[in-house]
Amino acid sequence: MKDRLSQRWADVQLALALLTRLPLPGQALPDRGAGAAWAWPLAGVAVGGLAALTAALALAVGLPATVAAALALAVQALATGAMHEDGLADTADGLWGGWTRERRLEIMKDSRTGSYGVAALVLVGLLRWSALAAALEGGVALLVAAAVLSRVPMVGLMALLPNARGAGLAQSLGRPDRRQAALAAAVGLGLALLLMGPAALVLAAAGGATALALGLVARAKIGGQTGDILGASQQLSEAAVLVAAAALV
């Protein structure tokens, strides 16, 4: 039992090391690759928790919800190194900027951001900001729930779709099995239910459906998923969760 708990805690640390830029103890951890993917939603607790604290402080000093929402999203981007935003931009450029599978993958690997990527960052960013500003009336716990729920589809897409490139970070991690994906979903939904009550079911459905749509497009256009697709799934599903929350307020 002790060894199992130690392994689970190591998985959480690995999730934080992979999905955030937060300072962590310098101890060496066993590289379990996709075996630790079940803990990715827990990285959302740290990222969403920092954002929620920021929003709460901003509201407490009298700043409007629009400013609190902007500050919260900025903290999220700093905590993750904007890695998911980068994935969103590369995904938009690749999926809509190339005519063949090979060209789309080539574009996605290019570090430069094109017009599709800029448009995606602006439009999705505006959607997240405006929806969050409207939904903050319901409390800052939404930020944690959204951060947790939006990291579940990353595990699901890795489990369901093959790696389209055959190289890169997502490929090096391997593919989580469906048991890992189910555990990630259980962890994410369980935490969201604790934070948001029954409304979490609606939020999870919105985020999951959006990520599924992205997965279907990615399979049709490039034959599977990449790290950029996974990052885009986080951004798009979080936007969907926040829009659903704004509709429920």
C-alpha atoms as a PDB file:
ATOM      1  CA  MET A   1       0.000   0.000   0.000  1.00  0.00           C
ATOM      2  CA  LYS A   2       2.798   2.420   0.908  1.00  0.00           C
ATOM      3  CA  ASP A   3       4.563   1.740  -2.389  1.00  0.00           C
ATOM      4  CA  ARG A   4       1.332   2.292  -4.291  1.00  0.00           C
ATOM      5  CA  LEU A   5       0.695   5.605  -2.562  1.00  0.00           C
ATOM      6  CA  SER A   6       4.274   6.671  -3.245  1.00  0.00           C
ATOM      7  CA  GLN A   7       3.809   5.852  -6.912  1.00  0.00           C
ATOM      8  CA  ARG A   8       0.573   7.848  -7.069  1.00  0.00           C
ATOM      9  CA  TRP A   9       2.237  10.845  -5.446  1.00  0.00           C
ATOM     10  CA  ALA A  10       5.133  10.545  -7.895  1.00  0.00           C
ATOM     11  CA  ASP A  11       2.590  10.546 -10.737  1.00  0.00           C
ATOM     12  CA  VAL A  12       1.130  13.807  -9.437  1.00  0.00           C
ATOM     13  CA  GLN A  13       4.606  15.348  -9.330  1.00  0.00           C
ATOM     14  CA  LEU A  14       5.270  14.142 -12.866  1.00  0.00           C
ATOM     15  CA  ALA A  15       2.004  15.692 -14.032  1.00  0.00           C
ATOM     16  CA  LEU A  16       2.986  19.017 -12.474  1.00  0.00           C
ATOM     17  CA  ALA A  17       6.473  18.825 -14.011  1.00  0.00           C
ATOM     18  CA  LEU A  18       5.065  18.097 -17.476  1.00  0.00           C
ATOM     19  CA  LEU A  19       2.066  20.430 -17.589  1.00  0.00           C
ATOM     20  CA  THR A  20       3.239  23.412 -15.536  1.00  0.00           C
ATOM     21  CA  ARG A  21       6.273  25.605 -15.006  1.00  0.00           C
ATOM     22  CA  LEU A  22       5.802  25.690 -11.252  1.00  0.00           C
ATOM     23  CA  PRO A  23       8.963  25.198  -9.166  1.00  0.00           C
ATOM     24  CA  LEU A  24       9.121  21.657  -7.798  1.00  0.00           C
ATOM     25  CA  PRO A  25      11.566  19.810  -5.533  1.00  0.00           C
ATOM     26  CA  GLY A  26      14.605  18.683  -7.469  1.00  0.00           C
ATOM     27  CA  GLN A  27      14.264  15.021  -6.622  1.00  0.00           C
ATOM     28  CA  ALA A  28      14.549  12.436  -9.380  1.00  0.00           C
ATOM     29  CA  LEU A  29      11.277  10.738 -10.246  1.00  0.00           C
ATOM     30  CA  PRO A  30      10.724   7.503 -12.167  1.00  0.00           C
ATOM     31  CA  ASP A  31       9.614   8.281 -15.702  1.00  0.00           C
ATOM     32  CA  ARG A  32       6.302   6.446 -16.097  1.00  0.00           C
ATOM     33  CA  GLY A  33       5.350   8.313 -19.260  1.00  0.00           C
ATOM     34  CA  ALA A  34       1.684   7.899 -20.072  1.00  0.00           C
ATOM     35  CA  GLY A  35       1.263   5.759 -16.969  1.00  0.00           C
ATOM     36  CA  ALA A  36       1.062   8.994 -14.982  1.00  0.00           C
ATOM     37  CA  ALA A  37      -1.523  10.572 -17.304  1.00  0.00           C
ATOM     38  CA  TRP A  38      -4.363   9.808 -14.873  1.00  0.00           C
ATOM     39  CA  ALA A  39      -2.926  12.617 -12.683  1.00  0.00           C
ATOM     40  CA  TRP A  40      -3.045  15.316 -15.363  1.00  0.00           C
ATOM     41  CA  PRO A  41      -6.370  16.690 -14.068  1.00  0.00           C
ATOM     42  CA  LEU A  42      -4.652  17.185 -10.710  1.00  0.00           C
ATOM     43  CA  ALA A  43      -2.186  19.553 -12.374  1.00  0.00           C
ATOM     44  CA  GLY A  44      -5.291  21.593 -13.110  1.00  0.00           C
ATOM     45  CA  VAL A  45      -5.901  21.931  -9.375  1.00  0.00           C
ATOM     46  CA  ALA A  46      -2.610  23.794  -9.009  1.00  0.00           C
ATOM     47  CA  VAL A  47      -3.079  25.969 -12.105  1.00  0.00           C
ATOM     48  CA  GLY A  48      -6.755  26.659 -11.436  1.00  0.00           C
ATOM     49  CA  GLY A  49      -6.113  27.210  -7.743  1.00  0.00           C
ATOM     50  CA  LEU A  50      -3.588  29.968  -8.444  1.00  0.00           C
ATOM     51  CA  ALA A  51      -5.997  31.559 -10.915  1.00  0.00           C
ATOM     52  CA  ALA A  52      -8.889  31.329  -8.457  1.00  0.00           C
ATOM     53  CA  LEU A  53      -6.810  32.946  -5.715  1.00  0.00           C
ATOM     54  CA  THR A  54      -5.851  35.744  -8.100  1.00  0.00           C
ATOM     55  CA  ALA A  55      -9.472  36.350  -9.117  1.00  0.00           C
ATOM     56  CA  ALA A  56     -10.641  36.275  -5.497  1.00  0.00           C
ATOM     57  CA  LEU A  57      -8.044  38.855  -4.466  1.00  0.00           C
ATOM     58  CA  ALA A  58      -8.884  41.066  -7.441  1.00  0.00           C
ATOM     59  CA  LEU A  59     -12.587  40.999  -6.629  1.00  0.00           C
ATOM     60  CA  ALA A  60     -11.877  41.568  -2.926  1.00  0.00           C
ATOM     61  CA  VAL A  61     -10.063  44.848  -3.620  1.00  0.00           C
ATOM     62  CA  GLY A  62     -12.935  46.074  -5.757  1.00  0.00           C
ATOM     63  CA  LEU A  63     -11.736  45.338  -9.264  1.00  0.00           C
ATOM     64  CA  PRO A  64     -14.478  44.501 -11.781  1.00  0.00           C
ATOM     65  CA  ALA A  65     -15.054  40.927 -12.916  1.00  0.00           C
ATOM     66  CA  THR A  66     -13.604  41.707 -16.341  1.00  0.00           C
ATOM     67  CA  VAL A  67     -10.255  42.663 -14.827  1.00  0.00           C
ATOM     68  CA  ALA A  68     -10.314  39.736 -12.393  1.00  0.00           C
ATOM     69  CA  ALA A  69     -10.938  37.352 -15.289  1.00  0.00           C
ATOM     70  CA  ALA A  70      -8.059  38.784 -17.304  1.00  0.00           C
ATOM     71  CA  LEU A  71      -5.672  38.515 -14.349  1.00  0.00           C
ATOM     72  CA  ALA A  72      -6.758  34.934 -13.658  1.00  0.00           C
ATOM     73  CA  LEU A  73      -6.142  33.867 -17.263  1.00  0.00           C
ATOM     74  CA  ALA A  74      -2.767  35.609 -17.238  1.00  0.00           C
ATOM     75  CA  VAL A  75      -1.751  33.659 -14.135  1.00  0.00           C
ATOM     76  CA  GLN A  76      -2.810  30.425 -15.811  1.00  0.00           C
ATOM     77  CA  ALA A  77      -0.658  31.197 -18.846  1.00  0.00           C
ATOM     78  CA  LEU A  78       2.321  32.004 -16.624  1.00  0.00           C
ATOM     79  CA  ALA A  79       1.842  28.823 -14.590  1.00  0.00           C
ATOM     80  CA  THR A  80       1.854  26.624 -17.703  1.00  0.00           C
ATOM     81  CA  GLY A  81       4.363  28.574 -19.765  1.00  0.00           C
ATOM     82  CA  ALA A  82       1.516  29.137 -22.254  1.00  0.00           C
ATOM     83  CA  MET A  83       2.185  25.642 -23.583  1.00  0.00           C
ATOM     84  CA  HIS A  84      -1.485  24.950 -24.280  1.00  0.00           C
ATOM     85  CA  GLU A  85      -1.937  28.295 -26.013  1.00  0.00           C
ATOM     86  CA  ASP A  86       1.046  27.399 -28.187  1.00  0.00           C
ATOM     87  CA  GLY A  87      -0.616  24.084 -29.049  1.00  0.00           C
ATOM     88  CA  LEU A  88      -3.823  25.876 -29.989  1.00  0.00           C
ATOM     89  CA  ALA A  89      -2.002  28.238 -32.349  1.00  0.00           C
ATOM     90  CA  ASP A  90      -0.007  25.443 -33.999  1.00  0.00           C
ATOM     91  CA  THR A  91      -3.131  23.314 -34.355  1.00  0.00           C
ATOM     92  CA  ALA A  92      -5.080  26.099 -36.063  1.00  0.00           C
ATOM     93  CA  ASP A  93      -2.207  26.851 -38.419  1.00  0.00           C
ATOM     94  CA  GLY A  94      -1.643  23.210 -39.290  1.00  0.00           C
ATOM     95  CA  LEU A  95      -5.162  21.871 -39.637  1.00  0.00           C
ATOM     96  CA  TRP A  96      -6.357  24.798 -41.753  1.00  0.00           C
ATOM     97  CA  GLY A  97      -3.117  25.994 -43.355  1.00  0.00           C
ATOM     98  CA  GLY A  98      -2.141  22.887 -45.294  1.00  0.00           C
ATOM     99  CA  TRP A  99      -3.734  20.802 -48.033  1.00  0.00           C
ATOM    100  CA  THR A 100      -2.097  17.450 -47.276  1.00  0.00           C
ATOM    101  CA  ARG A 101      -1.470  15.467 -44.100  1.00  0.00           C
ATOM    102  CA  GLU A 102       2.292  15.868 -44.472  1.00  0.00           C
ATOM    103  CA  ARG A 103       2.085  19.612 -45.021  1.00  0.00           C
ATOM    104  CA  ARG A 104      -0.239  20.080 -42.049  1.00  0.00           C
ATOM    105  CA  LEU A 105       2.171  18.241 -39.763  1.00  0.00           C
ATOM    106  CA  GLU A 106       5.062  20.272 -41.147  1.00  0.00           C
ATOM    107  CA  ILE A 107       3.252  23.523 -40.427  1.00  0.00           C
ATOM    108  CA  MET A 108       2.377  22.397 -36.898  1.00  0.00           C
ATOM    109  CA  LYS A 109       6.052  21.720 -36.206  1.00  0.00           C
ATOM    110  CA  ASP A 110       7.061  25.221 -37.372  1.00  0.00           C
ATOM    111  CA  SER A 111       7.669  27.511 -34.401  1.00  0.00           C
ATOM    112  CA  ARG A 112       6.328  30.525 -36.296  1.00  0.00           C
ATOM    113  CA  THR A 113       2.685  31.509 -35.784  1.00  0.00           C
ATOM    114  CA  GLY A 114       0.552  32.175 -38.841  1.00  0.00           C
ATOM    115  CA  SER A 115      -2.714  33.996 -39.384  1.00  0.00           C
ATOM    116  CA  TYR A 116      -4.877  31.019 -38.387  1.00  0.00           C
ATOM    117  CA  GLY A 117      -2.924  30.634 -35.167  1.00  0.00           C
ATOM    118  CA  VAL A 118      -3.190  34.318 -34.280  1.00  0.00           C
ATOM    119  CA  ALA A 119      -6.910  34.282 -35.018  1.00  0.00           C
ATOM    120  CA  ALA A 120      -7.405  31.198 -32.838  1.00  0.00           C
ATOM    121  CA  LEU A 121      -5.501  32.726 -29.919  1.00  0.00           C
ATOM    122  CA  VAL A 122      -7.450  35.973 -30.128  1.00  0.00           C
ATOM    123  CA  LEU A 123     -10.895  34.443 -30.598  1.00  0.00           C
ATOM    124  CA  VAL A 124     -10.545  31.636 -28.066  1.00  0.00           C
ATOM    125  CA  GLY A 125      -8.872  34.012 -25.623  1.00  0.00           C
ATOM    126  CA  LEU A 126     -11.733  36.475 -25.938  1.00  0.00           C
ATOM    127  CA  LEU A 127     -14.237  33.672 -25.504  1.00  0.00           C
ATOM    128  CA  ARG A 128     -12.555  32.386 -22.338  1.00  0.00           C
ATOM    129  CA  TRP A 129     -12.199  35.894 -20.891  1.00  0.00           C
ATOM    130  CA  SER A 130     -15.753  37.051 -21.587  1.00  0.00           C
ATOM    131  CA  ALA A 131     -17.320  33.787 -20.414  1.00  0.00           C
ATOM    132  CA  LEU A 132     -15.234  33.761 -17.238  1.00  0.00           C
ATOM    133  CA  ALA A 133     -16.075  37.395 -16.475  1.00  0.00           C
ATOM    134  CA  ALA A 134     -19.762  36.559 -16.808  1.00  0.00           C
ATOM    135  CA  ALA A 135     -19.501  33.369 -14.762  1.00  0.00           C
ATOM    136  CA  LEU A 136     -17.432  34.751 -11.865  1.00  0.00           C
ATOM    137  CA  GLU A 137     -20.688  35.769 -10.228  1.00  0.00           C
ATOM    138  CA  GLY A 138     -21.060  32.100  -9.360  1.00  0.00           C
ATOM    139  CA  GLY A 139     -17.719  32.003  -7.507  1.00  0.00           C
ATOM    140  CA  VAL A 140     -14.031  31.501  -8.240  1.00  0.00           C
ATOM    141  CA  ALA A 141     -14.214  27.718  -7.690  1.00  0.00           C
ATOM    142  CA  LEU A 142     -15.224  27.559 -11.349  1.00  0.00           C
ATOM    143  CA  LEU A 143     -11.621  28.315 -12.307  1.00  0.00           C
ATOM    144  CA  VAL A 144     -10.409  25.163 -10.566  1.00  0.00           C
ATOM    145  CA  ALA A 145     -13.226  23.038 -11.981  1.00  0.00           C
ATOM    146  CA  ALA A 146     -12.565  24.301 -15.518  1.00  0.00           C
ATOM    147  CA  ALA A 147      -8.832  23.710 -15.211  1.00  0.00           C
ATOM    148  CA  VAL A 148      -9.412  20.166 -13.971  1.00  0.00           C
ATOM    149  CA  LEU A 149     -12.095  19.213 -16.498  1.00  0.00           C
ATOM    150  CA  SER A 150     -10.170  20.642 -19.452  1.00  0.00           C
ATOM    151  CA  ARG A 151      -7.192  18.361 -18.784  1.00  0.00           C
ATOM    152  CA  VAL A 152      -9.252  15.172 -18.891  1.00  0.00           C
ATOM    153  CA  PRO A 153      -9.722  15.254 -22.713  1.00  0.00           C
ATOM    154  CA  MET A 154      -5.952  15.360 -23.176  1.00  0.00           C
ATOM    155  CA  VAL A 155      -5.739  11.889 -21.670  1.00  0.00           C
ATOM    156  CA  GLY A 156      -8.795  10.684 -23.562  1.00  0.00           C
ATOM    157  CA  LEU A 157      -7.490  11.792 -26.954  1.00  0.00           C
ATOM    158  CA  MET A 158      -4.115  10.176 -26.277  1.00  0.00           C
ATOM    159  CA  ALA A 159      -5.837   6.903 -25.433  1.00  0.00           C
ATOM    160  CA  LEU A 160      -8.264   6.926 -28.356  1.00  0.00           C
ATOM    161  CA  LEU A 161      -6.121   8.292 -31.208  1.00  0.00           C
ATOM    162  CA  PRO A 162      -2.713   7.184 -32.488  1.00  0.00           C
ATOM    163  CA  ASN A 163       0.145   9.650 -32.589  1.00  0.00           C
ATOM    164  CA  ALA A 164       0.026  11.241 -36.029  1.00  0.00           C
ATOM    165  CA  ARG A 165       3.687  12.201 -36.241  1.00  0.00           C
ATOM    166  CA  GLY A 166       5.460   9.235 -34.687  1.00  0.00           C
ATOM    167  CA  ALA A 167       7.812  11.622 -32.877  1.00  0.00           C
ATOM    168  CA  GLY A 168       7.764  14.449 -30.369  1.00  0.00           C
ATOM    169  CA  LEU A 169       6.796  14.784 -26.727  1.00  0.00           C
ATOM    170  CA  ALA A 170       3.394  13.125 -27.022  1.00  0.00           C
ATOM    171  CA  GLN A 171       4.950  10.149 -28.818  1.00  0.00           C
ATOM    172  CA  SER A 172       7.753   9.826 -26.252  1.00  0.00           C
ATOM    173  CA  LEU A 173       5.224   9.580 -23.435  1.00  0.00           C
ATOM    174  CA  GLY A 174       3.466   6.634 -25.050  1.00  0.00           C
ATOM    175  CA  ARG A 175      -0.286   6.084 -24.999  1.00  0.00           C
ATOM    176  CA  PRO A 176      -2.300   5.710 -21.804  1.00  0.00           C
ATOM    177  CA  ASP A 177      -4.613   2.725 -21.822  1.00  0.00           C
ATOM    178  CA  ARG A 178      -8.339   3.151 -21.438  1.00  0.00           C
ATOM    179  CA  ARG A 179      -8.105   2.357 -17.745  1.00  0.00           C
ATOM    180  CA  GLN A 180      -5.817   5.360 -17.264  1.00  0.00           C
ATOM    181  CA  ALA A 181      -8.200   7.509 -19.294  1.00  0.00           C
ATOM    182  CA  ALA A 182     -11.158   6.311 -17.226  1.00  0.00           C
ATOM    183  CA  LEU A 183      -9.289   7.078 -13.995  1.00  0.00           C
ATOM    184  CA  ALA A 184      -8.439  10.577 -15.265  1.00  0.00           C
ATOM    185  CA  ALA A 185     -12.118  11.133 -16.102  1.00  0.00           C
ATOM    186  CA  ALA A 186     -13.186   9.889 -12.671  1.00  0.00           C
ATOM    187  CA  VAL A 187     -10.668  12.144 -10.909  1.00  0.00           C
ATOM    188  CA  GLY A 188     -11.628  15.172 -12.991  1.00  0.00           C
ATOM    189  CA  LEU A 189     -15.373  14.700 -12.712  1.00  0.00           C
ATOM    190  CA  GLY A 190     -15.188  13.843  -9.018  1.00  0.00           C
ATOM    191  CA  LEU A 191     -13.289  17.027  -8.213  1.00  0.00           C
ATOM    192  CA  ALA A 192     -15.614  19.105 -10.376  1.00  0.00           C
ATOM    193  CA  LEU A 193     -18.660  17.675  -8.613  1.00  0.00           C
ATOM    194  CA  LEU A 194     -17.153  18.579  -5.243  1.00  0.00           C
ATOM    195  CA  LEU A 195     -16.507  22.133  -6.437  1.00  0.00           C
ATOM    196  CA  MET A 196     -19.592  22.828  -8.537  1.00  0.00           C
ATOM    197  CA  GLY A 197     -22.222  20.280  -7.557  1.00  0.00           C
ATOM    198  CA  PRO A 198     -24.516  18.768 -10.213  1.00  0.00           C
ATOM    199  CA  ALA A 199     -23.707  21.623 -12.606  1.00  0.00           C
ATOM    200  CA  ALA A 200     -20.357  19.886 -13.127  1.00  0.00           C
ATOM    201  CA  LEU A 201     -22.119  17.293 -15.272  1.00  0.00           C
ATOM    202  CA  VAL A 202     -23.182  19.986 -17.735  1.00  0.00           C
ATOM    203  CA  LEU A 203     -19.722  21.543 -17.715  1.00  0.00           C
ATOM    204  CA  ALA A 204     -18.050  18.178 -18.296  1.00  0.00           C
ATOM    205  CA  ALA A 205     -20.407  17.378 -21.171  1.00  0.00           C
ATOM    206  CA  ALA A 206     -19.642  20.716 -22.849  1.00  0.00           C
ATOM    207  CA  GLY A 207     -15.899  20.290 -22.513  1.00  0.00           C
ATOM    208  CA  GLY A 208     -15.948  16.648 -23.564  1.00  0.00           C
ATOM    209  CA  ALA A 209     -18.085  17.253 -26.651  1.00  0.00           C
ATOM    210  CA  THR A 210     -15.797  20.068 -27.787  1.00  0.00           C
ATOM    211  CA  ALA A 211     -12.679  17.936 -27.379  1.00  0.00           C
ATOM    212  CA  LEU A 212     -14.364  15.054 -29.197  1.00  0.00           C
ATOM    213  CA  ALA A 213     -15.129  17.335 -32.137  1.00  0.00           C
ATOM    214  CA  LEU A 214     -11.489  18.410 -32.261  1.00  0.00           C
ATOM    215  CA  GLY A 215     -10.396  14.781 -32.129  1.00  0.00           C
ATOM    216  CA  LEU A 216     -12.603  13.876 -35.082  1.00  0.00           C
ATOM    217  CA  VAL A 217     -11.202  16.764 -37.127  1.00  0.00           C
ATOM    218  CA  ALA A 218      -7.629  15.825 -36.202  1.00  0.00           C
ATOM    219  CA  ARG A 219      -8.188  12.191 -37.168  1.00  0.00           C
ATOM    220  CA  ALA A 220      -9.623  13.241 -40.527  1.00  0.00           C
ATOM    221  CA  LYS A 221      -6.915  15.795 -41.326  1.00  0.00           C
ATOM    222  CA  ILE A 222      -3.704  14.310 -39.877  1.00  0.00           C
ATOM    223  CA  GLY A 223      -4.640  10.776 -38.852  1.00  0.00           C
ATOM    224  CA  GLY A 224      -4.452  11.174 -35.100  1.00  0.00           C
ATOM    225  CA  GLN A 225      -3.206  13.400 -32.299  1.00  0.00           C
ATOM    226  CA  THR A 226      -0.025  15.289 -31.502  1.00  0.00           C
ATOM    227  CA  GLY A 227       1.111  17.327 -28.532  1.00  0.00           C
ATOM    228  CA  ASP A 228      -0.290  20.411 -30.233  1.00  0.00           C
ATOM    229  CA  ILE A 229      -3.693  18.751 -30.642  1.00  0.00           C
ATOM    230  CA  LEU A 230      -3.671  17.874 -26.950  1.00  0.00           C
ATOM    231  CA  GLY A 231      -2.843  21.453 -25.999  1.00  0.00           C
ATOM    232  CA  ALA A 232      -5.595  22.742 -28.246  1.00  0.00           C
ATOM    233  CA  SER A 233      -8.054  20.315 -26.660  1.00  0.00           C
ATOM    234  CA  GLN A 234      -7.312  21.837 -23.261  1.00  0.00           C
ATOM    235  CA  GLN A 235      -7.898  25.378 -24.471  1.00  0.00           C
ATOM    236  CA  LEU A 236     -11.057  24.600 -26.429  1.00  0.00           C
ATOM    237  CA  SER A 237     -12.617  22.397 -23.768  1.00  0.00           C
ATOM    238  CA  GLU A 238     -11.880  24.996 -21.078  1.00  0.00           C
ATOM    239  CA  ALA A 239     -13.553  27.632 -23.244  1.00  0.00           C
ATOM    240  CA  ALA A 240     -16.588  25.365 -23.604  1.00  0.00           C
ATOM    241  CA  VAL A 241     -16.717  24.755 -19.843  1.00  0.00           C
ATOM    242  CA  LEU A 242     -16.587  28.490 -19.130  1.00  0.00           C
ATOM    243  CA  VAL A 243     -19.295  29.257 -21.713  1.00  0.00           C
ATOM    244  CA  ALA A 244     -21.525  26.563 -20.208  1.00  0.00           C
ATOM    245  CA  ALA A 245     -20.921  28.002 -16.735  1.00  0.00           C
ATOM    246  CA  ALA A 246     -21.801  31.501 -17.943  1.00  0.00           C
ATOM    247  CA  ALA A 247     -25.040  30.143 -19.366  1.00  0.00           C
ATOM    248  CA  LEU A 248     -25.895  28.545 -16.014  1.00  0.00           C
ATOM    249  CA  VAL A 249     -25.256  31.637 -13.881  1.00  0.00           C
END
